[in-house]
Amino acid sequence: SSELSFSREDRDLNIRRIGFVAGEVVKHGGTVV
């Protein structure tokens, strides 16, 4: 997310990206912290 600013919208997008990656790991039985 290096292209993102620190606006609320971009902070939210960063968290959504984290959620997506976490979901992909969890889909295959993985553990995410």
PDB file of all heavy atoms in Angstrom:
ATOM      1  N   SER A   1       0.816  -1.220   0.000  1.00  0.00           N
ATOM      2  CA  SER A   1       0.000   0.000   0.000  1.00  0.00           C
ATOM      3  C   SER A   1       0.845   1.264   0.000  1.00  0.00           C
ATOM      4  O   SER A   1       0.436   2.302   0.516  1.00  0.00           O
ATOM      5  CB  SER A   1      -0.927   0.007   1.227  1.00  0.00           C
ATOM      6  OG  SER A   1      -1.786  -1.118   1.223  1.00  0.00           O
ATOM      7  N   SER A   2       2.038   1.182  -0.577  1.00  0.00           N
ATOM      8  CA  SER A   2       2.947   2.336  -0.513  1.00  0.00           C
ATOM      9  C   SER A   2       2.410   3.546  -1.267  1.00  0.00           C
ATOM     10  O   SER A   2       2.841   4.675  -1.014  1.00  0.00           O
ATOM     11  CB  SER A   2       4.323   1.954  -1.066  1.00  0.00           C
ATOM     12  OG  SER A   2       4.230   1.528  -2.412  1.00  0.00           O
ATOM     13  N   GLU A   3       1.457   3.321  -2.171  1.00  0.00           N
ATOM     14  CA  GLU A   3       0.923   4.450  -2.943  1.00  0.00           C
ATOM     15  C   GLU A   3      -0.189   5.180  -2.210  1.00  0.00           C
ATOM     16  O   GLU A   3      -0.637   6.244  -2.653  1.00  0.00           O
ATOM     17  CB  GLU A   3       0.399   3.942  -4.296  1.00  0.00           C
ATOM     18  CG  GLU A   3      -1.020   3.391  -4.296  1.00  0.00           C
ATOM     19  CD  GLU A   3      -1.151   2.004  -3.674  1.00  0.00           C
ATOM     20  OE1 GLU A   3      -0.163   1.469  -3.154  1.00  0.00           O
ATOM     21  OE2 GLU A   3      -2.267   1.454  -3.703  1.00  0.00           O
ATOM     22  N   LEU A   4      -0.629   4.630  -1.076  1.00  0.00           N
ATOM     23  CA  LEU A   4      -1.761   5.214  -0.367  1.00  0.00           C
ATOM     24  C   LEU A   4      -1.337   6.392   0.493  1.00  0.00           C
ATOM     25  O   LEU A   4      -0.239   6.421   1.039  1.00  0.00           O
ATOM     26  CB  LEU A   4      -2.436   4.157   0.515  1.00  0.00           C
ATOM     27  CG  LEU A   4      -3.035   2.954  -0.205  1.00  0.00           C
ATOM     28  CD1 LEU A   4      -3.714   2.033   0.810  1.00  0.00           C
ATOM     29  CD2 LEU A   4      -4.010   3.368  -1.288  1.00  0.00           C
ATOM     30  N   SER A   5      -2.253   7.338   0.632  1.00  0.00           N
ATOM     31  CA  SER A   5      -2.045   8.459   1.545  1.00  0.00           C
ATOM     32  C   SER A   5      -2.551   8.046   2.922  1.00  0.00           C
ATOM     33  O   SER A   5      -2.835   6.874   3.171  1.00  0.00           O
ATOM     34  CB  SER A   5      -2.818   9.688   1.046  1.00  0.00           C
ATOM     35  OG  SER A   5      -4.220   9.484   1.225  1.00  0.00           O
ATOM     36  N   PHE A   6      -2.690   9.038   3.816  1.00  0.00           N
ATOM     37  CA  PHE A   6      -3.173   8.746   5.153  1.00  0.00           C
ATOM     38  C   PHE A   6      -4.549   9.356   5.386  1.00  0.00           C
ATOM     39  O   PHE A   6      -4.933   9.649   6.519  1.00  0.00           O
ATOM     40  CB  PHE A   6      -2.156   9.217   6.188  1.00  0.00           C
ATOM     41  CG  PHE A   6      -0.831   8.531   6.003  1.00  0.00           C
ATOM     42  CD1 PHE A   6       0.258   9.213   5.488  1.00  0.00           C
ATOM     43  CD2 PHE A   6      -0.696   7.191   6.301  1.00  0.00           C
ATOM     44  CE1 PHE A   6       1.473   8.578   5.297  1.00  0.00           C
ATOM     45  CE2 PHE A   6       0.513   6.537   6.103  1.00  0.00           C
ATOM     46  CZ  PHE A   6       1.603   7.225   5.607  1.00  0.00           C
ATOM     47  N   SER A   7      -5.296   9.522   4.293  1.00  0.00           N
ATOM     48  CA  SER A   7      -6.693   9.923   4.426  1.00  0.00           C
ATOM     49  C   SER A   7      -7.487   8.759   5.014  1.00  0.00           C
ATOM     50  O   SER A   7      -7.035   7.607   5.015  1.00  0.00           O
ATOM     51  CB  SER A   7      -7.275  10.278   3.054  1.00  0.00           C
ATOM     52  OG  SER A   7      -7.333   9.117   2.230  1.00  0.00           O
ATOM     53  N   ARG A   8      -8.665   9.057   5.494  1.00  0.00           N
ATOM     54  CA  ARG A   8      -9.505   7.976   6.043  1.00  0.00           C
ATOM     55  C   ARG A   8      -9.780   6.930   4.970  1.00  0.00           C
ATOM     56  O   ARG A   8      -9.743   5.719   5.248  1.00  0.00           O
ATOM     57  CB  ARG A   8     -10.814   8.538   6.583  1.00  0.00           C
ATOM     58  CG  ARG A   8     -11.738   7.438   7.098  1.00  0.00           C
ATOM     59  CD  ARG A   8     -12.875   7.957   7.931  1.00  0.00           C
ATOM     60  NE  ARG A   8     -13.634   6.837   8.496  1.00  0.00           N
ATOM     61  CZ  ARG A   8     -14.268   6.881   9.636  1.00  0.00           C
ATOM     62  NH1 ARG A   8     -14.229   7.973  10.381  1.00  0.00           N
ATOM     63  NH2 ARG A   8     -14.955   5.836  10.069  1.00  0.00           N
ATOM     64  N   GLU A   9     -10.049   7.379   3.759  1.00  0.00           N
ATOM     65  CA  GLU A   9     -10.355   6.438   2.688  1.00  0.00           C
ATOM     66  C   GLU A   9      -9.188   5.494   2.420  1.00  0.00           C
ATOM     67  O   GLU A   9      -9.382   4.279   2.241  1.00  0.00           O
ATOM     68  CB  GLU A   9     -10.730   7.200   1.407  1.00  0.00           C
ATOM     69  CG  GLU A   9     -12.032   7.989   1.480  1.00  0.00           C
ATOM     70  CD  GLU A   9     -11.928   9.264   2.299  1.00  0.00           C
ATOM     71  OE1 GLU A   9     -10.784   9.731   2.542  1.00  0.00           O
ATOM     72  OE2 GLU A   9     -12.985   9.791   2.696  1.00  0.00           O
ATOM     73  N   ASP A  10      -7.981   6.034   2.397  1.00  0.00           N
ATOM     74  CA  ASP A  10      -6.826   5.193   2.110  1.00  0.00           C
ATOM     75  C   ASP A  10      -6.461   4.298   3.296  1.00  0.00           C
ATOM     76  O   ASP A  10      -5.996   3.163   3.117  1.00  0.00           O
ATOM     77  CB  ASP A  10      -5.630   6.055   1.698  1.00  0.00           C
ATOM     78  CG  ASP A  10      -5.713   6.502   0.251  1.00  0.00           C
ATOM     79  OD1 ASP A  10      -6.678   6.105  -0.441  1.00  0.00           O
ATOM     80  OD2 ASP A  10      -4.816   7.236  -0.201  1.00  0.00           O
ATOM     81  N   ARG A  11      -6.661   4.783   4.499  1.00  0.00           N
ATOM     82  CA  ARG A  11      -6.438   3.916   5.661  1.00  0.00           C
ATOM     83  C   ARG A  11      -7.398   2.732   5.618  1.00  0.00           C
ATOM     84  O   ARG A  11      -7.018   1.582   5.882  1.00  0.00           O
ATOM     85  CB  ARG A  11      -6.623   4.696   6.962  1.00  0.00           C
ATOM     86  CG  ARG A  11      -5.576   5.761   7.214  1.00  0.00           C
ATOM     87  CD  ARG A  11      -5.789   6.416   8.565  1.00  0.00           C
ATOM     88  NE  ARG A  11      -4.899   7.567   8.740  1.00  0.00           N
ATOM     89  CZ  ARG A  11      -4.759   8.231   9.872  1.00  0.00           C
ATOM     90  NH1 ARG A  11      -5.427   7.859  10.945  1.00  0.00           N
ATOM     91  NH2 ARG A  11      -3.942   9.266   9.960  1.00  0.00           N
ATOM     92  N   ASP A  12      -8.653   3.022   5.272  1.00  0.00           N
ATOM     93  CA  ASP A  12      -9.643   1.949   5.170  1.00  0.00           C
ATOM     94  C   ASP A  12      -9.262   0.957   4.079  1.00  0.00           C
ATOM     95  O   ASP A  12      -9.410  -0.260   4.248  1.00  0.00           O
ATOM     96  CB  ASP A  12     -11.028   2.538   4.886  1.00  0.00           C
ATOM     97  CG  ASP A  12     -11.664   3.175   6.107  1.00  0.00           C
ATOM     98  OD1 ASP A  12     -11.112   3.024   7.220  1.00  0.00           O
ATOM     99  OD2 ASP A  12     -12.718   3.821   5.952  1.00  0.00           O
ATOM    100  N   LEU A  13      -8.780   1.461   2.953  1.00  0.00           N
ATOM    101  CA  LEU A  13      -8.373   0.575   1.863  1.00  0.00           C
ATOM    102  C   LEU A  13      -7.220  -0.329   2.304  1.00  0.00           C
ATOM    103  O   LEU A  13      -7.187  -1.519   1.964  1.00  0.00           O
ATOM    104  CB  LEU A  13      -7.971   1.398   0.632  1.00  0.00           C
ATOM    105  CG  LEU A  13      -7.453   0.606  -0.568  1.00  0.00           C
ATOM    106  CD1 LEU A  13      -8.456  -0.470  -1.004  1.00  0.00           C
ATOM    107  CD2 LEU A  13      -7.149   1.555  -1.734  1.00  0.00           C
ATOM    108  N   ASN A  14      -6.296   0.216   3.063  1.00  0.00           N
ATOM    109  CA  ASN A  14      -5.187  -0.598   3.556  1.00  0.00           C
ATOM    110  C   ASN A  14      -5.702  -1.747   4.424  1.00  0.00           C
ATOM    111  O   ASN A  14      -5.231  -2.890   4.315  1.00  0.00           O
ATOM    112  CB  ASN A  14      -4.207   0.270   4.340  1.00  0.00           C
ATOM    113  CG  ASN A  14      -2.895  -0.435   4.635  1.00  0.00           C
ATOM    114  OD1 ASN A  14      -2.305  -1.055   3.756  1.00  0.00           O
ATOM    115  ND2 ASN A  14      -2.429  -0.341   5.864  1.00  0.00           N
ATOM    116  N   ILE A  15      -6.674  -1.469   5.274  1.00  0.00           N
ATOM    117  CA  ILE A  15      -7.232  -2.512   6.137  1.00  0.00           C
ATOM    118  C   ILE A  15      -8.016  -3.524   5.314  1.00  0.00           C
ATOM    119  O   ILE A  15      -7.978  -4.732   5.587  1.00  0.00           O
ATOM    120  CB  ILE A  15      -8.112  -1.893   7.241  1.00  0.00           C
ATOM    121  CG1 ILE A  15      -7.252  -0.991   8.149  1.00  0.00           C
ATOM    122  CG2 ILE A  15      -8.805  -2.973   8.062  1.00  0.00           C
ATOM    123  CD1 ILE A  15      -6.050  -1.692   8.752  1.00  0.00           C
ATOM    124  N   ARG A  16      -8.719  -3.070   4.283  1.00  0.00           N
ATOM    125  CA  ARG A  16      -9.423  -4.019   3.418  1.00  0.00           C
ATOM    126  C   ARG A  16      -8.434  -4.938   2.711  1.00  0.00           C
ATOM    127  O   ARG A  16      -8.698  -6.136   2.530  1.00  0.00           O
ATOM    128  CB  ARG A  16     -10.283  -3.287   2.391  1.00  0.00           C
ATOM    129  CG  ARG A  16     -11.547  -2.683   2.975  1.00  0.00           C
ATOM    130  CD  ARG A  16     -12.547  -2.330   1.899  1.00  0.00           C
ATOM    131  NE  ARG A  16     -12.056  -1.305   0.999  1.00  0.00           N
ATOM    132  CZ  ARG A  16     -12.174   0.008   1.206  1.00  0.00           C
ATOM    133  NH1 ARG A  16     -12.763   0.451   2.308  1.00  0.00           N
ATOM    134  NH2 ARG A  16     -11.705   0.875   0.336  1.00  0.00           N
ATOM    135  N   ARG A  17      -7.302  -4.397   2.298  1.00  0.00           N
ATOM    136  CA  ARG A  17      -6.282  -5.239   1.666  1.00  0.00           C
ATOM    137  C   ARG A  17      -5.760  -6.287   2.649  1.00  0.00           C
ATOM    138  O   ARG A  17      -5.561  -7.448   2.285  1.00  0.00           O
ATOM    139  CB  ARG A  17      -5.132  -4.369   1.146  1.00  0.00           C
ATOM    140  CG  ARG A  17      -5.499  -3.550  -0.074  1.00  0.00           C
ATOM    141  CD  ARG A  17      -4.354  -2.650  -0.520  1.00  0.00           C
ATOM    142  NE  ARG A  17      -4.725  -1.880  -1.693  1.00  0.00           N
ATOM    143  CZ  ARG A  17      -3.953  -0.973  -2.288  1.00  0.00           C
ATOM    144  NH1 ARG A  17      -2.743  -0.720  -1.794  1.00  0.00           N
ATOM    145  NH2 ARG A  17      -4.373  -0.324  -3.355  1.00  0.00           N
ATOM    146  N   ILE A  18      -5.545  -5.870   3.883  1.00  0.00           N
ATOM    147  CA  ILE A  18      -5.120  -6.833   4.907  1.00  0.00           C
ATOM    148  C   ILE A  18      -6.180  -7.916   5.068  1.00  0.00           C
ATOM    149  O   ILE A  18      -5.863  -9.113   5.145  1.00  0.00           O
ATOM    150  CB  ILE A  18      -4.860  -6.104   6.237  1.00  0.00           C
ATOM    151  CG1 ILE A  18      -3.590  -5.251   6.136  1.00  0.00           C
ATOM    152  CG2 ILE A  18      -4.758  -7.100   7.390  1.00  0.00           C
ATOM    153  CD1 ILE A  18      -3.317  -4.400   7.357  1.00  0.00           C
ATOM    154  N   GLY A  19      -7.449  -7.519   5.112  1.00  0.00           N
ATOM    155  CA  GLY A  19      -8.528  -8.485   5.240  1.00  0.00           C
ATOM    156  C   GLY A  19      -8.583  -9.463   4.080  1.00  0.00           C
ATOM    157  O   GLY A  19      -8.812 -10.666   4.274  1.00  0.00           O
ATOM    158  N   PHE A  20      -8.342  -8.971   2.882  1.00  0.00           N
ATOM    159  CA  PHE A  20      -8.370  -9.847   1.707  1.00  0.00           C
ATOM    160  C   PHE A  20      -7.250 -10.869   1.771  1.00  0.00           C
ATOM    161  O   PHE A  20      -7.474 -12.071   1.554  1.00  0.00           O
ATOM    162  CB  PHE A  20      -8.242  -9.022   0.427  1.00  0.00           C
ATOM    163  CG  PHE A  20      -8.096  -9.870  -0.811  1.00  0.00           C
ATOM    164  CD1 PHE A  20      -9.194 -10.490  -1.372  1.00  0.00           C
ATOM    165  CD2 PHE A  20      -6.849 -10.067  -1.391  1.00  0.00           C
ATOM    166  CE1 PHE A  20      -9.068 -11.294  -2.497  1.00  0.00           C
ATOM    167  CE2 PHE A  20      -6.704 -10.867  -2.513  1.00  0.00           C
ATOM    168  CZ  PHE A  20      -7.817 -11.487  -3.071  1.00  0.00           C
ATOM    169  N   VAL A  21      -6.039 -10.410   2.057  1.00  0.00           N
ATOM    170  CA  VAL A  21      -4.901 -11.338   2.141  1.00  0.00           C
ATOM    171  C   VAL A  21      -5.133 -12.356   3.252  1.00  0.00           C
ATOM    172  O   VAL A  21      -4.897 -13.562   3.067  1.00  0.00           O
ATOM    173  CB  VAL A  21      -3.584 -10.565   2.363  1.00  0.00           C
ATOM    174  CG1 VAL A  21      -2.431 -11.530   2.607  1.00  0.00           C
ATOM    175  CG2 VAL A  21      -3.276  -9.674   1.163  1.00  0.00           C
ATOM    176  N   ALA A  22      -5.611 -11.893   4.404  1.00  0.00           N
ATOM    177  CA  ALA A  22      -5.885 -12.812   5.507  1.00  0.00           C
ATOM    178  C   ALA A  22      -6.920 -13.850   5.100  1.00  0.00           C
ATOM    179  O   ALA A  22      -6.782 -15.043   5.410  1.00  0.00           O
ATOM    180  CB  ALA A  22      -6.352 -12.035   6.731  1.00  0.00           C
ATOM    181  N   GLY A  23      -7.951 -13.415   4.402  1.00  0.00           N
ATOM    182  CA  GLY A  23      -8.981 -14.341   3.962  1.00  0.00           C
ATOM    183  C   GLY A  23      -8.455 -15.411   3.027  1.00  0.00           C
ATOM    184  O   GLY A  23      -8.856 -16.579   3.101  1.00  0.00           O
ATOM    185  N   GLU A  24      -7.536 -15.024   2.147  1.00  0.00           N
ATOM    186  CA  GLU A  24      -6.957 -15.993   1.221  1.00  0.00           C
ATOM    187  C   GLU A  24      -6.126 -17.044   1.962  1.00  0.00           C
ATOM    188  O   GLU A  24      -6.135 -18.224   1.604  1.00  0.00           O
ATOM    189  CB  GLU A  24      -6.094 -15.277   0.178  1.00  0.00           C
ATOM    190  CG  GLU A  24      -6.888 -14.443  -0.811  1.00  0.00           C
ATOM    191  CD  GLU A  24      -7.865 -15.301  -1.611  1.00  0.00           C
ATOM    192  OE1 GLU A  24      -7.413 -16.186  -2.360  1.00  0.00           O
ATOM    193  OE2 GLU A  24      -9.081 -15.090  -1.468  1.00  0.00           O
ATOM    194  N   VAL A  25      -5.419 -16.621   2.994  1.00  0.00           N
ATOM    195  CA  VAL A  25      -4.646 -17.582   3.793  1.00  0.00           C
ATOM    196  C   VAL A  25      -5.583 -18.496   4.574  1.00  0.00           C
ATOM    197  O   VAL A  25      -5.403 -19.720   4.614  1.00  0.00           O
ATOM    198  CB  VAL A  25      -3.684 -16.843   4.747  1.00  0.00           C
ATOM    199  CG1 VAL A  25      -2.959 -17.834   5.657  1.00  0.00           C
ATOM    200  CG2 VAL A  25      -2.664 -16.021   3.954  1.00  0.00           C
ATOM    201  N   VAL A  26      -6.605 -17.909   5.186  1.00  0.00           N
ATOM    202  CA  VAL A  26      -7.559 -18.680   5.978  1.00  0.00           C
ATOM    203  C   VAL A  26      -8.302 -19.683   5.096  1.00  0.00           C
ATOM    204  O   VAL A  26      -8.611 -20.808   5.537  1.00  0.00           O
ATOM    205  CB  VAL A  26      -8.544 -17.714   6.685  1.00  0.00           C
ATOM    206  CG1 VAL A  26      -9.766 -18.451   7.222  1.00  0.00           C
ATOM    207  CG2 VAL A  26      -7.831 -16.985   7.825  1.00  0.00           C
ATOM    208  N   LYS A  27      -8.578 -19.320   3.857  1.00  0.00           N
ATOM    209  CA  LYS A  27      -9.296 -20.213   2.940  1.00  0.00           C
ATOM    210  C   LYS A  27      -8.592 -21.554   2.789  1.00  0.00           C
ATOM    211  O   LYS A  27      -9.229 -22.589   2.584  1.00  0.00           O
ATOM    212  CB  LYS A  27      -9.429 -19.531   1.572  1.00  0.00           C
ATOM    213  CG  LYS A  27     -10.133 -20.381   0.520  1.00  0.00           C
ATOM    214  CD  LYS A  27     -10.489 -19.558  -0.706  1.00  0.00           C
ATOM    215  CE  LYS A  27      -9.281 -19.048  -1.440  1.00  0.00           C
ATOM    216  NZ  LYS A  27      -9.650 -18.339  -2.696  1.00  0.00           N
ATOM    217  N   HIS A  28      -7.268 -21.538   2.920  1.00  0.00           N
ATOM    218  CA  HIS A  28      -6.485 -22.762   2.771  1.00  0.00           C
ATOM    219  C   HIS A  28      -6.082 -23.360   4.124  1.00  0.00           C
ATOM    220  O   HIS A  28      -5.136 -24.136   4.213  1.00  0.00           O
ATOM    221  CB  HIS A  28      -5.258 -22.474   1.921  1.00  0.00           C
ATOM    222  CG  HIS A  28      -5.602 -22.017   0.536  1.00  0.00           C
ATOM    223  ND1 HIS A  28      -6.113 -22.854  -0.425  1.00  0.00           N
ATOM    224  CD2 HIS A  28      -5.557 -20.776  -0.039  1.00  0.00           C
ATOM    225  CE1 HIS A  28      -6.345 -22.183  -1.535  1.00  0.00           C
ATOM    226  NE2 HIS A  28      -6.026 -20.919  -1.331  1.00  0.00           N
ATOM    227  N   GLY A  29      -6.813 -22.975   5.177  1.00  0.00           N
ATOM    228  CA  GLY A  29      -6.587 -23.554   6.489  1.00  0.00           C
ATOM    229  C   GLY A  29      -5.477 -22.916   7.285  1.00  0.00           C
ATOM    230  O   GLY A  29      -5.068 -23.449   8.316  1.00  0.00           O
ATOM    231  N   GLY A  30      -4.986 -21.762   6.839  1.00  0.00           N
ATOM    232  CA  GLY A  30      -3.866 -21.120   7.509  1.00  0.00           C
ATOM    233  C   GLY A  30      -4.276 -20.295   8.716  1.00  0.00           C
ATOM    234  O   GLY A  30      -5.457 -20.008   8.949  1.00  0.00           O
ATOM    235  N   THR A  31      -3.258 -19.918   9.474  1.00  0.00           N
ATOM    236  CA  THR A  31      -3.429 -19.062  10.643  1.00  0.00           C
ATOM    237  C   THR A  31      -2.761 -17.727  10.376  1.00  0.00           C
ATOM    238  O   THR A  31      -1.621 -17.680   9.929  1.00  0.00           O
ATOM    239  CB  THR A  31      -2.798 -19.701  11.891  1.00  0.00           C
ATOM    240  OG1 THR A  31      -3.451 -20.951  12.158  1.00  0.00           O
ATOM    241  CG2 THR A  31      -2.931 -18.792  13.110  1.00  0.00           C
ATOM    242  N   VAL A  32      -3.475 -16.633  10.643  1.00  0.00           N
ATOM    243  CA  VAL A  32      -2.978 -15.291  10.386  1.00  0.00           C
ATOM    244  C   VAL A  32      -3.049 -14.481  11.675  1.00  0.00           C
ATOM    245  O   VAL A  32      -4.043 -14.552  12.408  1.00  0.00           O
ATOM    246  CB  VAL A  32      -3.809 -14.576   9.298  1.00  0.00           C
ATOM    247  CG1 VAL A  32      -3.265 -13.174   9.028  1.00  0.00           C
ATOM    248  CG2 VAL A  32      -3.851 -15.398   8.014  1.00  0.00           C
ATOM    249  N   VAL A  33      -1.998 -13.717  11.944  1.00  0.00           N
ATOM    250  CA  VAL A  33      -2.014 -12.751  13.036  1.00  0.00           C
ATOM    251  C   VAL A  33      -1.799 -11.373  12.432  1.00  0.00           C
ATOM    252  O   VAL A  33      -0.781 -11.122  11.774  1.00  0.00           O
ATOM    253  CB  VAL A  33      -0.937 -13.057  14.090  1.00  0.00           C
ATOM    254  CG1 VAL A  33      -0.876 -11.938  15.130  1.00  0.00           C
ATOM    255  CG2 VAL A  33      -1.223 -14.387  14.776  1.00  0.00           C
TER     256      VAL A  33
END
